[in-house]
Amino acid sequence: MNRRFAVQVSREDPWWVALVEGVPGGWEMRRLEQLEGEVRDGLAVFHDLDPSEVELDWRYELPVQAAAALGAYRAKRAELERAENEYARTQREAAVALAHVPVPVRDVARLMQLSRARAATLLTSLPQKNA
C-alpha cells in the first residue's frame, strides 16, 4: 500500500532542508540528489513502510524571482516536449504518406530533408516494397 508525502524543501546555504508535516525533525543534505533516498528511507522507518511504498511530492521554497524563472523554464520545457512529440508524429505521417504514393525511401529522404537512414527508420513498420 503506497503512501504519498508532501516534502517541503528549502535552501539554507549550504544545505537543502527537507521537512514533512507530521514527521519530527527533517533532513539536511548538501545536494538535492541526496535528499530523495534519505527522505524515502526516513519516512519508511517512521511509518513502518517499505521504501518502495513511499511516494514523494516535492515542493520547493525558493525566492520569488528564482521560483518564477524555474516555473517559466518548466512551462517552456513542457511546451517543447509537446512540440517535439507533435513533430515526430507529423514527420512519421508525412513519410508514411509519401511511401504510400509510392515514393522510394531515398526520395522520401530528399523531400523531407532527412538522411536516408532516418527516412528508412520512420518507415520500418511498413510492409517492405522495392525502395
N, C-alpha and C. Protein backbone atom coordinates (compact mmCIF):
# COMPACT_ATOMS: atom_id res chain seq x y z
N MET A 1 0.85 -1.18 0.00
CA MET A 1 0.00 0.00 0.00
C MET A 1 0.90 1.24 0.00
N ASN A 2 0.85 2.01 -1.06
CA ASN A 2 1.69 3.21 -1.18
C ASN A 2 1.12 4.36 -0.35
N ARG A 3 2.01 5.14 0.21
CA ARG A 3 1.63 6.35 0.93
C ARG A 3 2.34 7.52 0.29
N ARG A 4 1.61 8.61 0.11
CA ARG A 4 2.14 9.81 -0.53
C ARG A 4 2.43 10.86 0.55
N PHE A 5 3.58 11.50 0.42
CA PHE A 5 4.00 12.52 1.36
C PHE A 5 4.42 13.78 0.61
N ALA A 6 4.04 14.92 1.13
CA ALA A 6 4.48 16.21 0.60
C ALA A 6 5.77 16.59 1.32
N VAL A 7 6.81 16.83 0.55
CA VAL A 7 8.12 17.18 1.10
C VAL A 7 8.39 18.64 0.76
N GLN A 8 8.53 19.46 1.79
CA GLN A 8 8.83 20.88 1.61
C GLN A 8 10.34 21.06 1.70
N VAL A 9 10.92 21.58 0.62
CA VAL A 9 12.37 21.73 0.55
C VAL A 9 12.73 23.21 0.47
N SER A 10 13.68 23.62 1.29
CA SER A 10 14.17 25.00 1.25
C SER A 10 15.69 24.98 1.21
N ARG A 11 16.22 26.13 0.87
CA ARG A 11 17.68 26.26 0.78
C ARG A 11 18.16 27.08 1.96
N GLU A 12 19.02 26.48 2.78
CA GLU A 12 19.65 27.17 3.89
C GLU A 12 21.14 26.91 3.73
N ASP A 13 21.76 27.77 2.91
CA ASP A 13 23.13 27.59 2.46
C ASP A 13 24.05 27.13 3.57
N PRO A 14 24.78 26.05 3.40
CA PRO A 14 24.99 25.28 2.18
C PRO A 14 24.06 24.07 2.07
N TRP A 15 22.99 24.04 2.83
CA TRP A 15 22.14 22.85 2.92
C TRP A 15 20.83 23.00 2.15
N TRP A 16 20.35 21.87 1.68
CA TRP A 16 18.97 21.73 1.25
C TRP A 16 18.28 21.05 2.43
N VAL A 17 17.20 21.65 2.90
CA VAL A 17 16.49 21.14 4.07
C VAL A 17 15.12 20.63 3.64
N ALA A 18 14.82 19.39 4.02
CA ALA A 18 13.54 18.78 3.67
C ALA A 18 12.75 18.51 4.94
N LEU A 19 11.49 18.94 4.93
CA LEU A 19 10.58 18.72 6.05
C LEU A 19 9.30 18.07 5.54
N VAL A 20 8.74 17.20 6.37
CA VAL A 20 7.46 16.57 6.06
C VAL A 20 6.55 16.80 7.25
N GLU A 21 5.37 17.36 6.98
CA GLU A 21 4.43 17.66 8.06
C GLU A 21 4.09 16.37 8.81
N GLY A 22 4.09 16.48 10.14
CA GLY A 22 3.76 15.34 10.98
C GLY A 22 4.93 14.43 11.30
N VAL A 23 6.09 14.74 10.74
CA VAL A 23 7.28 13.93 11.00
C VAL A 23 8.29 14.82 11.71
N PRO A 24 8.69 14.43 12.90
CA PRO A 24 9.63 15.27 13.65
C PRO A 24 10.98 15.36 12.95
N GLY A 25 11.61 16.51 13.12
CA GLY A 25 12.92 16.71 12.52
C GLY A 25 12.82 16.90 11.02
N GLY A 26 13.87 16.61 10.35
CA GLY A 26 13.92 16.77 8.91
C GLY A 26 15.23 16.21 8.41
N TRP A 27 15.57 16.56 7.20
CA TRP A 27 16.78 16.06 6.58
C TRP A 27 17.54 17.25 6.00
N GLU A 28 18.86 17.20 6.12
CA GLU A 28 19.72 18.23 5.54
C GLU A 28 20.78 17.55 4.69
N MET A 29 20.89 18.01 3.46
CA MET A 29 21.90 17.47 2.56
C MET A 29 22.49 18.62 1.76
N ARG A 30 23.71 18.44 1.33
CA ARG A 30 24.36 19.47 0.51
C ARG A 30 23.85 19.45 -0.93
N ARG A 31 23.43 18.28 -1.41
CA ARG A 31 22.97 18.17 -2.80
C ARG A 31 21.55 17.61 -2.82
N LEU A 32 20.75 18.13 -3.74
CA LEU A 32 19.37 17.67 -3.88
C LEU A 32 19.28 16.18 -4.16
N GLU A 33 20.20 15.68 -4.98
CA GLU A 33 20.15 14.27 -5.35
C GLU A 33 20.25 13.34 -4.15
N GLN A 34 20.84 13.82 -3.07
CA GLN A 34 20.99 13.01 -1.87
C GLN A 34 19.70 12.96 -1.04
N LEU A 35 18.86 13.96 -1.21
CA LEU A 35 17.67 14.05 -0.37
C LEU A 35 16.68 12.91 -0.58
N GLU A 36 16.44 12.53 -1.82
CA GLU A 36 15.36 11.57 -2.07
C GLU A 36 15.53 10.28 -1.29
N GLY A 37 16.70 9.68 -1.40
CA GLY A 37 16.92 8.42 -0.69
C GLY A 37 16.80 8.56 0.81
N GLU A 38 17.37 9.63 1.35
CA GLU A 38 17.31 9.85 2.79
C GLU A 38 15.88 10.07 3.27
N VAL A 39 15.14 10.91 2.56
CA VAL A 39 13.76 11.19 2.95
C VAL A 39 12.92 9.92 2.81
N ARG A 40 13.07 9.23 1.71
CA ARG A 40 12.29 7.99 1.47
C ARG A 40 12.58 6.96 2.57
N ASP A 41 13.85 6.74 2.87
CA ASP A 41 14.20 5.77 3.90
C ASP A 41 13.71 6.21 5.27
N GLY A 42 13.86 7.49 5.57
CA GLY A 42 13.41 8.00 6.86
C GLY A 42 11.91 7.87 7.05
N LEU A 43 11.15 8.19 6.03
CA LEU A 43 9.69 8.06 6.11
C LEU A 43 9.28 6.59 6.21
N ALA A 44 9.99 5.73 5.50
CA ALA A 44 9.68 4.31 5.57
C ALA A 44 9.86 3.79 6.99
N VAL A 45 10.95 4.18 7.64
CA VAL A 45 11.19 3.75 9.02
C VAL A 45 10.14 4.35 9.94
N PHE A 46 9.88 5.65 9.82
CA PHE A 46 8.94 6.34 10.71
C PHE A 46 7.53 5.76 10.60
N HIS A 47 7.12 5.39 9.40
CA HIS A 47 5.75 4.90 9.17
C HIS A 47 5.68 3.38 8.98
N ASP A 48 6.80 2.69 9.22
CA ASP A 48 6.86 1.24 9.09
C ASP A 48 6.39 0.78 7.70
N LEU A 49 7.02 1.34 6.69
CA LEU A 49 6.72 1.01 5.30
C LEU A 49 7.98 0.51 4.61
N ASP A 50 7.80 -0.15 3.51
CA ASP A 50 8.92 -0.47 2.65
C ASP A 50 9.25 0.81 1.88
N PRO A 51 10.52 1.14 1.67
CA PRO A 51 10.84 2.38 0.94
C PRO A 51 10.17 2.48 -0.43
N SER A 52 9.91 1.35 -1.08
CA SER A 52 9.25 1.38 -2.39
C SER A 52 7.78 1.81 -2.29
N GLU A 53 7.21 1.78 -1.09
CA GLU A 53 5.82 2.18 -0.88
C GLU A 53 5.68 3.68 -0.62
N VAL A 54 6.79 4.38 -0.52
CA VAL A 54 6.79 5.80 -0.21
C VAL A 54 6.79 6.61 -1.52
N GLU A 55 5.75 7.42 -1.72
CA GLU A 55 5.68 8.32 -2.86
C GLU A 55 5.88 9.73 -2.36
N LEU A 56 6.72 10.49 -3.07
CA LEU A 56 7.09 11.83 -2.61
C LEU A 56 6.66 12.89 -3.60
N ASP A 57 6.01 13.93 -3.09
CA ASP A 57 5.68 15.13 -3.86
C ASP A 57 6.60 16.24 -3.36
N TRP A 58 7.50 16.67 -4.21
CA TRP A 58 8.49 17.67 -3.84
C TRP A 58 7.94 19.07 -4.06
N ARG A 59 8.07 19.90 -3.05
CA ARG A 59 7.66 21.30 -3.15
C ARG A 59 8.85 22.14 -2.70
N TYR A 60 9.27 23.03 -3.59
CA TYR A 60 10.47 23.81 -3.32
C TYR A 60 10.11 25.23 -2.94
N GLU A 61 10.69 25.67 -1.85
CA GLU A 61 10.52 27.03 -1.36
C GLU A 61 11.75 27.81 -1.81
N LEU A 62 11.53 28.67 -2.82
CA LEU A 62 12.64 29.43 -3.39
C LEU A 62 12.30 30.91 -3.36
N PRO A 63 13.29 31.78 -3.46
CA PRO A 63 13.00 33.21 -3.58
C PRO A 63 12.10 33.45 -4.80
N VAL A 64 11.28 34.48 -4.73
CA VAL A 64 10.26 34.74 -5.74
C VAL A 64 10.84 34.76 -7.16
N GLN A 65 11.93 35.47 -7.37
CA GLN A 65 12.50 35.57 -8.72
C GLN A 65 12.98 34.21 -9.23
N ALA A 66 13.62 33.44 -8.37
CA ALA A 66 14.11 32.12 -8.77
C ALA A 66 12.93 31.18 -9.04
N ALA A 67 11.90 31.23 -8.20
CA ALA A 67 10.72 30.38 -8.40
C ALA A 67 10.02 30.73 -9.71
N ALA A 68 9.92 32.02 -10.02
CA ALA A 68 9.27 32.45 -11.27
C ALA A 68 10.08 31.99 -12.47
N ALA A 69 11.40 32.14 -12.41
CA ALA A 69 12.25 31.71 -13.52
C ALA A 69 12.18 30.20 -13.71
N LEU A 70 12.18 29.46 -12.62
CA LEU A 70 12.08 28.00 -12.70
C LEU A 70 10.71 27.59 -13.26
N GLY A 71 9.66 28.25 -12.84
CA GLY A 71 8.32 27.96 -13.35
C GLY A 71 8.22 28.24 -14.84
N ALA A 72 8.78 29.35 -15.29
CA ALA A 72 8.77 29.69 -16.72
C ALA A 72 9.57 28.65 -17.51
N TYR A 73 10.71 28.25 -16.98
CA TYR A 73 11.52 27.23 -17.64
C TYR A 73 10.75 25.92 -17.77
N ARG A 74 10.12 25.48 -16.69
CA ARG A 74 9.38 24.22 -16.72
C ARG A 74 8.22 24.27 -17.71
N ALA A 75 7.54 25.41 -17.79
CA ALA A 75 6.44 25.57 -18.74
C ALA A 75 6.96 25.46 -20.17
N LYS A 76 8.07 26.13 -20.45
CA LYS A 76 8.66 26.08 -21.79
C LYS A 76 9.17 24.67 -22.11
N ARG A 77 9.72 24.01 -21.12
CA ARG A 77 10.20 22.64 -21.35
C ARG A 77 9.03 21.72 -21.70
N ALA A 78 7.92 21.84 -20.99
CA ALA A 78 6.73 21.04 -21.29
C ALA A 78 6.21 21.37 -22.68
N GLU A 79 6.23 22.66 -23.03
CA GLU A 79 5.80 23.09 -24.37
C GLU A 79 6.71 22.48 -25.44
N LEU A 80 8.00 22.49 -25.19
CA LEU A 80 8.97 21.91 -26.12
C LEU A 80 8.73 20.41 -26.29
N GLU A 81 8.49 19.71 -25.19
CA GLU A 81 8.24 18.27 -25.27
C GLU A 81 6.98 17.97 -26.08
N ARG A 82 5.94 18.77 -25.90
CA ARG A 82 4.72 18.60 -26.70
C ARG A 82 5.01 18.86 -28.17
N ALA A 83 5.78 19.92 -28.46
CA ALA A 83 6.12 20.25 -29.84
C ALA A 83 6.98 19.14 -30.47
N GLU A 84 7.93 18.60 -29.71
CA GLU A 84 8.77 17.52 -30.23
C GLU A 84 7.94 16.28 -30.54
N ASN A 85 6.98 15.97 -29.67
CA ASN A 85 6.10 14.82 -29.90
C ASN A 85 5.25 15.05 -31.15
N GLU A 86 4.73 16.25 -31.30
CA GLU A 86 3.92 16.59 -32.48
C GLU A 86 4.78 16.53 -33.74
N TYR A 87 5.99 17.04 -33.66
CA TYR A 87 6.93 17.00 -34.79
C TYR A 87 7.20 15.56 -35.20
N ALA A 88 7.48 14.70 -34.22
CA ALA A 88 7.78 13.30 -34.52
C ALA A 88 6.57 12.62 -35.16
N ARG A 89 5.38 12.92 -34.65
CA ARG A 89 4.17 12.32 -35.21
C ARG A 89 3.95 12.77 -36.66
N THR A 90 4.07 14.07 -36.91
CA THR A 90 3.84 14.57 -38.27
C THR A 90 4.95 14.14 -39.22
N GLN A 91 6.16 14.00 -38.72
CA GLN A 91 7.27 13.51 -39.53
C GLN A 91 6.97 12.09 -40.01
N ARG A 92 6.53 11.25 -39.09
CA ARG A 92 6.20 9.86 -39.46
C ARG A 92 5.02 9.83 -40.42
N GLU A 93 3.98 10.62 -40.14
CA GLU A 93 2.80 10.66 -41.02
C GLU A 93 3.19 11.07 -42.44
N ALA A 94 4.06 12.06 -42.56
CA ALA A 94 4.50 12.51 -43.89
C ALA A 94 5.28 11.41 -44.60
N ALA A 95 6.18 10.76 -43.90
CA ALA A 95 6.98 9.70 -44.51
C ALA A 95 6.08 8.55 -44.96
N VAL A 96 5.13 8.17 -44.13
CA VAL A 96 4.22 7.08 -44.47
C VAL A 96 3.35 7.48 -45.68
N ALA A 97 2.83 8.70 -45.68
CA ALA A 97 2.00 9.16 -46.80
C ALA A 97 2.80 9.14 -48.10
N LEU A 98 4.03 9.58 -48.06
CA LEU A 98 4.87 9.55 -49.26
C LEU A 98 5.16 8.12 -49.71
N ALA A 99 5.42 7.24 -48.75
CA ALA A 99 5.72 5.85 -49.09
C ALA A 99 4.52 5.16 -49.74
N HIS A 100 3.32 5.59 -49.39
CA HIS A 100 2.12 5.00 -49.98
C HIS A 100 1.81 5.54 -51.39
N VAL A 101 2.54 6.54 -51.85
CA VAL A 101 2.27 7.14 -53.17
C VAL A 101 2.50 6.13 -54.31
N PRO A 102 3.51 5.37 -54.44
CA PRO A 102 4.70 5.14 -53.63
C PRO A 102 5.88 6.01 -54.09
N VAL A 103 6.61 6.48 -53.10
CA VAL A 103 7.85 7.23 -53.33
C VAL A 103 8.97 6.39 -52.71
N PRO A 104 10.06 6.16 -53.43
CA PRO A 104 11.17 5.39 -52.86
C PRO A 104 11.75 6.08 -51.61
N VAL A 105 12.31 5.28 -50.73
CA VAL A 105 12.86 5.79 -49.47
C VAL A 105 13.86 6.91 -49.71
N ARG A 106 14.73 6.75 -50.69
CA ARG A 106 15.75 7.78 -50.95
C ARG A 106 15.09 9.11 -51.33
N ASP A 107 13.94 9.04 -52.03
CA ASP A 107 13.24 10.27 -52.41
C ASP A 107 12.42 10.84 -51.25
N VAL A 108 11.90 9.96 -50.41
CA VAL A 108 11.23 10.42 -49.18
C VAL A 108 12.25 11.23 -48.38
N ALA A 109 13.44 10.70 -48.25
CA ALA A 109 14.51 11.39 -47.50
C ALA A 109 14.80 12.76 -48.11
N ARG A 110 14.91 12.80 -49.43
CA ARG A 110 15.23 14.09 -50.08
C ARG A 110 14.09 15.08 -49.91
N LEU A 111 12.86 14.65 -50.12
CA LEU A 111 11.71 15.55 -49.97
C LEU A 111 11.58 16.10 -48.55
N MET A 112 11.91 15.26 -47.58
CA MET A 112 11.75 15.66 -46.18
C MET A 112 13.03 16.24 -45.58
N GLN A 113 14.10 16.31 -46.39
CA GLN A 113 15.39 16.82 -45.93
C GLN A 113 15.90 16.02 -44.73
N LEU A 114 15.85 14.71 -44.89
CA LEU A 114 16.33 13.78 -43.86
C LEU A 114 17.42 12.91 -44.47
N SER A 115 18.15 12.23 -43.62
CA SER A 115 19.08 11.23 -44.13
C SER A 115 18.25 10.03 -44.60
N ARG A 116 18.84 9.27 -45.49
CA ARG A 116 18.14 8.08 -45.97
C ARG A 116 17.89 7.11 -44.81
N ALA A 117 18.84 7.01 -43.90
CA ALA A 117 18.69 6.13 -42.74
C ALA A 117 17.50 6.56 -41.87
N ARG A 118 17.37 7.88 -41.66
CA ARG A 118 16.26 8.37 -40.84
C ARG A 118 14.92 8.10 -41.52
N ALA A 119 14.85 8.32 -42.83
CA ALA A 119 13.62 8.05 -43.57
C ALA A 119 13.28 6.56 -43.48
N ALA A 120 14.28 5.72 -43.63
CA ALA A 120 14.05 4.27 -43.54
C ALA A 120 13.55 3.89 -42.16
N THR A 121 14.11 4.51 -41.12
CA THR A 121 13.67 4.24 -39.75
C THR A 121 12.21 4.60 -39.56
N LEU A 122 11.81 5.73 -40.12
CA LEU A 122 10.41 6.15 -40.00
C LEU A 122 9.46 5.16 -40.66
N LEU A 123 9.96 4.43 -41.63
CA LEU A 123 9.12 3.53 -42.42
C LEU A 123 9.30 2.06 -42.05
N THR A 124 9.99 1.77 -40.97
CA THR A 124 10.33 0.37 -40.64
C THR A 124 9.11 -0.51 -40.41
N SER A 125 7.99 0.02 -39.96
CA SER A 125 6.83 -0.82 -39.68
C SER A 125 5.96 -1.06 -40.91
N LEU A 126 6.29 -0.41 -42.02
CA LEU A 126 5.52 -0.61 -43.25
C LEU A 126 5.96 -1.90 -43.93
N PRO A 127 5.05 -2.56 -44.65
CA PRO A 127 5.46 -3.74 -45.42
C PRO A 127 6.54 -3.33 -46.42
N GLN A 128 7.56 -4.13 -46.56
CA GLN A 128 8.69 -3.82 -47.43
C GLN A 128 8.29 -3.90 -48.90
N LYS A 129 8.63 -2.85 -49.65
CA LYS A 129 8.45 -2.81 -51.09
C LYS A 129 9.80 -2.44 -51.68
N ASN A 130 9.91 -2.47 -52.96
CA ASN A 130 11.15 -2.03 -53.60
C ASN A 130 11.35 -0.55 -53.35
N ALA A 131 12.47 -0.20 -52.76
CA ALA A 131 12.75 1.21 -52.46
C ALA A 131 13.85 1.61 -53.36
